[in-house]
């Protein structure tokens, strides 16, 4: 058996020994957004440390656990804290949680993150619907022997983010009177923030926001046939666009300030997705 798939199976068995809950939606909560899970009707909580072979999130503000429960009667598994490539994990471990949530039953992946805006029309605190992505600056999670049990060797990436889900999100934001920008997300490795010239490069390439996660997760999910949607909270304008230096504290503070509005939007989106 492929070693990566064998590890996935080991994690799956470890979870199933403790949790029987079957989710429909997998929700990844980015920096500053983890408290959303506390608003769910929680059925069970499982720390990553209690899953055999599972990578542990080391980022400040990331609780590092799965929360199983309901959002507006829709069964959801939420990640309170994701695993990042910059933490030193191999890419197959970074996307292992995504693959695991799919094996647990999730059909839809809802990705969220705090991102730096490289579009001059954006401002800190904006929400951006992710319409496409650029993942060329991080290793593909599909490198190596293909895992046939998960998907095909050469998966199509022409519509990573589901068009119908995008329309549903735009409609929901409009109903909630929430301004929703749209754009392309670019993933860098991190953990250092981008230089001014790298930000300029990202803008030339067509990116509207940059971050250190998400795109690799979407590739792995797309490979497995999940329907994917994503929203970035623009926590700051990227390096060189303002005179202010960047910090993780700023990212968390902006995300925390926007959390109530974000929670309202996410809840209504999941409610509609579950219909």
Protein backbone atom coordinates (compact mmCIF):
# COMPACT_ATOMS: atom_id res chain seq x y z
CA UNK A 1 0.00 0.00 0.00
CA UNK A 2 1.16 3.54 -0.74
CA UNK A 3 2.76 4.93 2.45
CA UNK A 4 0.80 8.21 2.26
CA UNK A 5 -2.49 6.36 1.85
CA UNK A 6 -1.55 3.92 4.61
CA UNK A 7 -1.04 6.85 7.00
CA UNK A 8 -4.39 8.34 5.93
CA UNK A 9 -6.09 5.00 6.63
CA UNK A 10 -4.40 4.83 10.05
CA UNK A 11 -5.71 8.31 10.93
CA UNK A 12 -9.16 7.40 9.65
CA UNK A 13 -9.30 4.27 11.81
CA UNK A 14 -8.06 6.26 14.80
CA UNK A 15 -10.85 8.83 14.39
CA UNK A 16 -13.55 6.24 13.77
CA UNK A 17 -12.66 4.46 17.01
CA UNK A 18 -13.67 7.65 18.82
CA UNK A 19 -16.14 9.45 16.53
CA UNK A 20 -19.07 8.06 14.52
CA UNK A 21 -20.33 11.45 13.31
CA UNK A 22 -20.67 11.75 9.50
CA UNK A 23 -20.25 15.34 8.23
CA UNK A 24 -21.56 16.80 5.00
CA UNK A 25 -19.44 19.97 5.09
CA UNK A 26 -15.76 20.27 6.04
CA UNK A 27 -14.98 23.77 7.33
CA UNK A 28 -11.38 24.97 7.71
CA UNK A 29 -11.13 27.94 10.06
CA UNK A 30 -8.22 30.29 9.40
CA UNK A 31 -6.26 32.65 11.67
CA UNK A 32 -8.53 34.60 14.00
CA UNK A 33 -11.62 32.69 12.87
CA UNK A 34 -11.32 29.57 15.01
CA UNK A 35 -13.89 30.69 17.57
CA UNK A 36 -16.63 30.15 15.00
CA UNK A 37 -16.64 26.48 16.00
CA UNK A 38 -17.88 27.51 19.46
CA UNK A 39 -21.11 28.75 17.83
CA UNK A 40 -21.89 25.30 16.43
CA UNK A 41 -24.19 22.76 18.07
CA UNK A 42 -21.20 20.70 19.16
CA UNK A 43 -21.58 16.93 19.29
CA UNK A 44 -17.97 15.94 19.82
CA UNK A 45 -14.45 17.41 19.91
CA UNK A 46 -11.27 15.55 18.98
CA UNK A 47 -7.79 16.98 19.53
CA UNK A 48 -5.31 16.37 16.73
CA UNK A 49 -2.93 14.95 19.33
CA UNK A 50 -5.42 12.14 19.97
CA UNK A 51 -5.33 10.97 16.33
CA UNK A 52 -2.60 8.43 15.67
CA UNK A 53 -0.04 9.82 13.20
CA UNK A 54 -1.81 13.15 12.74
CA UNK A 55 0.23 16.38 12.31
CA UNK A 56 -0.14 18.97 15.08
CA UNK A 57 -0.79 22.66 14.39
CA UNK A 58 1.84 24.88 16.06
CA UNK A 59 0.59 28.34 15.05
CA UNK A 60 -0.41 30.77 17.85
CA UNK A 61 -4.20 31.10 18.02
CA UNK A 62 -4.83 27.71 16.39
CA UNK A 63 -6.43 25.30 18.88
CA UNK A 64 -5.54 22.17 16.93
CA UNK A 65 -8.70 20.08 17.02
CA UNK A 66 -11.67 18.82 15.02
CA UNK A 67 -15.11 19.98 16.12
CA UNK A 68 -18.02 17.79 15.00
CA UNK A 69 -21.51 19.23 15.14
CA UNK A 70 -24.31 21.06 13.38
CA UNK A 71 -24.61 24.47 11.78
CA UNK A 72 -28.27 25.20 11.03
CA UNK A 73 -28.95 21.42 11.16
CA UNK A 74 -26.20 20.70 8.62
CA UNK A 75 -23.61 18.16 9.85
CA UNK A 76 -20.20 19.84 9.84
CA UNK A 77 -16.65 18.96 10.80
CA UNK A 78 -14.65 22.11 11.53
CA UNK A 79 -10.87 22.38 11.78
CA UNK A 80 -9.84 24.73 14.57
CA UNK A 81 -6.35 25.29 13.31
CA UNK A 82 -4.87 24.02 10.07
CA UNK A 83 -1.44 22.57 9.35
CA UNK A 84 0.94 24.73 7.30
CA UNK A 85 3.85 23.81 5.06
CA UNK A 86 6.05 26.38 6.83
CA UNK A 87 5.72 24.45 10.09
CA UNK A 88 8.09 21.90 8.58
CA UNK A 89 5.61 19.22 7.65
CA UNK A 90 5.83 17.49 4.25
CA UNK A 91 3.05 18.55 1.89
CA UNK A 92 1.30 15.17 2.16
CA UNK A 93 0.87 15.85 5.91
CA UNK A 94 -0.35 19.40 5.27
CA UNK A 95 -3.27 18.08 3.19
CA UNK A 96 -3.85 14.95 5.26
CA UNK A 97 -6.63 16.65 7.30
CA UNK A 98 -8.49 17.53 4.09
CA UNK A 99 -8.26 13.98 2.81
CA UNK A 100 -9.33 12.66 6.19
CA UNK A 101 -12.44 14.85 6.33
CA UNK A 102 -13.42 13.59 2.87
CA UNK A 103 -13.03 9.97 4.02
CA UNK A 104 -15.16 10.80 7.05
CA UNK A 105 -17.98 11.72 4.67
CA UNK A 106 -17.63 15.44 3.83
CA UNK A 107 -18.72 16.29 0.30
CA UNK A 108 -18.11 20.05 0.41
CA UNK A 109 -14.93 21.82 1.54
CA UNK A 110 -15.36 25.38 2.83
CA UNK A 111 -11.95 27.04 3.14
CA UNK A 112 -11.33 30.25 5.07
CA UNK A 113 -8.16 32.18 5.77
CA UNK A 114 -6.71 35.53 6.77
CA UNK A 115 -4.88 36.94 3.77
CA UNK A 116 -2.86 39.95 2.73
CA UNK A 117 -4.51 42.11 0.10
CA UNK A 118 -2.39 42.90 -2.96
CA UNK A 119 -5.26 44.54 -4.84
CA UNK A 120 -5.27 48.30 -4.19
CA UNK A 121 -9.08 48.26 -4.24
CA UNK A 122 -9.11 46.08 -1.12
CA UNK A 123 -8.95 47.27 2.49
CA UNK A 124 -8.25 45.54 5.79
CA UNK A 125 -11.42 43.84 6.96
CA UNK A 126 -12.81 43.07 3.50
CA UNK A 127 -14.10 39.62 2.65
CA UNK A 128 -12.96 38.11 -0.66
CA UNK A 129 -14.67 35.24 -2.41
CA UNK A 130 -11.90 33.06 -3.86
CA UNK A 131 -12.65 32.53 -7.53
CA UNK A 132 -9.34 30.91 -8.51
CA UNK A 133 -5.86 30.36 -7.17
CA UNK A 134 -2.14 30.28 -7.92
CA UNK A 135 -0.25 27.45 -6.22
CA UNK A 136 2.96 27.53 -8.25
CA UNK A 137 5.12 28.68 -5.31
CA UNK A 138 4.51 25.62 -3.12
CA UNK A 139 5.02 21.91 -3.88
CA UNK A 140 1.97 20.15 -5.23
CA UNK A 141 0.41 17.71 -2.74
CA UNK A 142 -0.02 15.32 -5.66
CA UNK A 143 3.72 14.88 -6.33
CA UNK A 144 4.81 11.27 -6.00
CA UNK A 145 3.05 8.02 -6.71
CA UNK A 146 -0.61 8.70 -7.47
CA UNK A 147 -3.06 7.34 -4.92
CA UNK A 148 -5.67 5.77 -7.16
CA UNK A 149 -8.08 5.37 -4.23
CA UNK A 150 -8.23 9.18 -3.99
CA UNK A 151 -8.25 10.36 -7.61
CA UNK A 152 -6.75 10.30 -11.08
CA UNK A 153 -3.07 10.93 -11.91
CA UNK A 154 -3.72 14.18 -13.82
CA UNK A 155 -6.77 15.91 -12.30
CA UNK A 156 -8.42 18.81 -14.12
CA UNK A 157 -8.02 22.15 -12.33
CA UNK A 158 -10.08 24.35 -14.64
CA UNK A 159 -12.77 24.96 -12.00
CA UNK A 160 -11.26 24.30 -8.57
CA UNK A 161 -13.78 26.54 -6.84
CA UNK A 162 -17.31 25.35 -7.56
CA UNK A 163 -19.24 27.86 -9.70
CA UNK A 164 -22.61 27.03 -8.14
CA UNK A 165 -21.23 27.47 -4.64
CA UNK A 166 -19.75 30.81 -5.67
CA UNK A 167 -23.16 31.98 -6.84
CA UNK A 168 -24.74 30.79 -3.60
CA UNK A 169 -22.14 32.68 -1.54
CA UNK A 170 -22.61 35.89 -3.55
CA UNK A 171 -26.38 35.64 -3.18
CA UNK A 172 -26.09 35.01 0.56
CA UNK A 173 -23.73 37.96 1.09
CA UNK A 174 -26.12 40.22 -0.79
CA UNK A 175 -29.06 39.04 1.33
CA UNK A 176 -27.05 39.74 4.50
CA UNK A 177 -25.93 43.18 3.22
CA UNK A 178 -22.32 42.05 3.48
CA UNK A 179 -19.92 43.49 0.93
CA UNK A 180 -18.06 40.64 -0.75
CA UNK A 181 -15.09 41.25 -3.00
CA UNK A 182 -13.92 38.61 -5.47
CA UNK A 183 -10.43 37.59 -6.46
CA UNK A 184 -7.57 35.18 -6.97
CA UNK A 185 -5.65 33.77 -3.99
CA UNK A 186 -1.91 33.06 -4.24
CA UNK A 187 -0.13 30.79 -1.77
CA UNK A 188 3.47 31.43 -0.77
CA UNK A 189 5.35 29.12 1.57
CA UNK A 190 5.83 31.57 4.45
CA UNK A 191 6.53 31.93 7.30
CA UNK A 192 8.10 35.28 6.43
CA UNK A 193 5.73 37.86 5.01
CA UNK A 194 6.32 38.82 1.39
CA UNK A 195 8.77 41.50 0.32
CA UNK A 196 7.41 44.55 -1.53
CA UNK A 197 8.77 43.17 -4.80
CA UNK A 198 7.16 39.78 -4.22
CA UNK A 199 3.87 41.55 -3.61
CA UNK A 200 4.33 43.44 -6.87
CA UNK A 201 5.06 40.13 -8.62
CA UNK A 202 1.91 38.57 -7.18
CA UNK A 203 -0.16 41.48 -8.49
CA UNK A 204 1.42 41.16 -11.96
CA UNK A 205 0.59 37.45 -11.95
CA UNK A 206 -3.06 38.27 -11.33
CA UNK A 207 -3.39 37.67 -7.59
CA UNK A 208 -5.67 39.76 -5.40
CA UNK A 209 -4.67 38.24 -2.06
CA UNK A 210 -1.73 36.25 -0.74
CA UNK A 211 -1.31 33.84 2.13
CA UNK A 212 0.44 30.73 3.41
CA UNK A 213 -2.28 28.07 3.12
CA UNK A 214 -5.46 27.08 1.29
CA UNK A 215 -4.33 26.53 -2.32
CA UNK A 216 -2.62 23.21 -1.61
CA UNK A 217 -5.68 22.09 0.37
CA UNK A 218 -7.94 22.94 -2.56
CA UNK A 219 -5.75 20.90 -4.95
CA UNK A 220 -5.96 17.83 -2.71
CA UNK A 221 -9.72 18.24 -2.30
CA UNK A 222 -10.27 18.73 -6.01
CA UNK A 223 -8.23 15.56 -6.67
CA UNK A 224 -10.70 13.69 -4.43
CA UNK A 225 -13.77 15.13 -6.14
CA UNK A 226 -14.93 17.46 -3.38
CA UNK A 227 -16.89 20.61 -4.15
CA UNK A 228 -14.84 23.57 -2.91
CA UNK A 229 -15.53 27.15 -1.91
CA UNK A 230 -13.41 29.67 -0.09
CA UNK A 231 -13.45 33.10 1.54
CA UNK A 232 -10.46 35.19 2.61
CA UNK A 233 -10.64 37.82 5.32
CA UNK A 234 -8.28 40.56 4.13
CA UNK A 235 -6.41 41.18 7.34
CA UNK A 236 -4.01 43.80 5.99
CA UNK A 237 -2.67 45.32 2.82
CA UNK A 238 0.49 43.47 1.84
CA UNK A 239 4.06 44.68 2.32
CA UNK A 240 4.97 47.85 0.44
CA UNK A 241 1.36 48.99 -0.01
CA UNK A 242 1.37 50.93 3.27
CA UNK A 243 4.07 52.23 5.58
CA UNK A 244 3.09 49.88 8.41
CA UNK A 245 5.19 46.77 9.16
CA UNK A 246 3.34 43.44 9.11
CA UNK A 247 2.73 41.23 12.14
CA UNK A 248 0.74 38.11 13.04
CA UNK A 249 -0.88 40.13 15.84
CA UNK A 250 -2.34 42.52 13.25
CA UNK A 251 -3.68 39.58 11.27
CA UNK A 252 -5.41 38.15 14.32
CA UNK A 253 -6.79 41.49 15.49
CA UNK A 254 -8.39 42.26 12.12
CA UNK A 255 -9.86 38.77 11.84
CA UNK A 256 -11.18 38.97 15.41
CA UNK A 257 -12.84 42.32 14.68
CA UNK A 258 -14.61 40.90 11.63
CA UNK A 259 -15.51 37.60 13.32
CA UNK A 260 -19.19 38.41 14.10
CA UNK A 261 -19.91 39.36 10.49
CA UNK A 262 -17.95 36.37 9.24
CA UNK A 263 -19.86 34.01 11.53
CA UNK A 264 -23.16 35.34 10.25
CA UNK A 265 -22.09 34.87 6.62
CA UNK A 266 -20.67 31.38 7.11
CA UNK A 267 -23.75 30.17 8.99
CA UNK A 268 -26.10 31.32 6.26
CA UNK A 269 -23.90 29.83 3.52
CA UNK A 270 -23.82 26.43 5.26
CA UNK A 271 -27.56 26.59 5.84
CA UNK A 272 -28.11 26.97 2.09
CA UNK A 273 -25.47 24.39 1.17
CA UNK A 274 -27.21 21.83 3.33
CA UNK A 275 -30.55 22.14 1.53
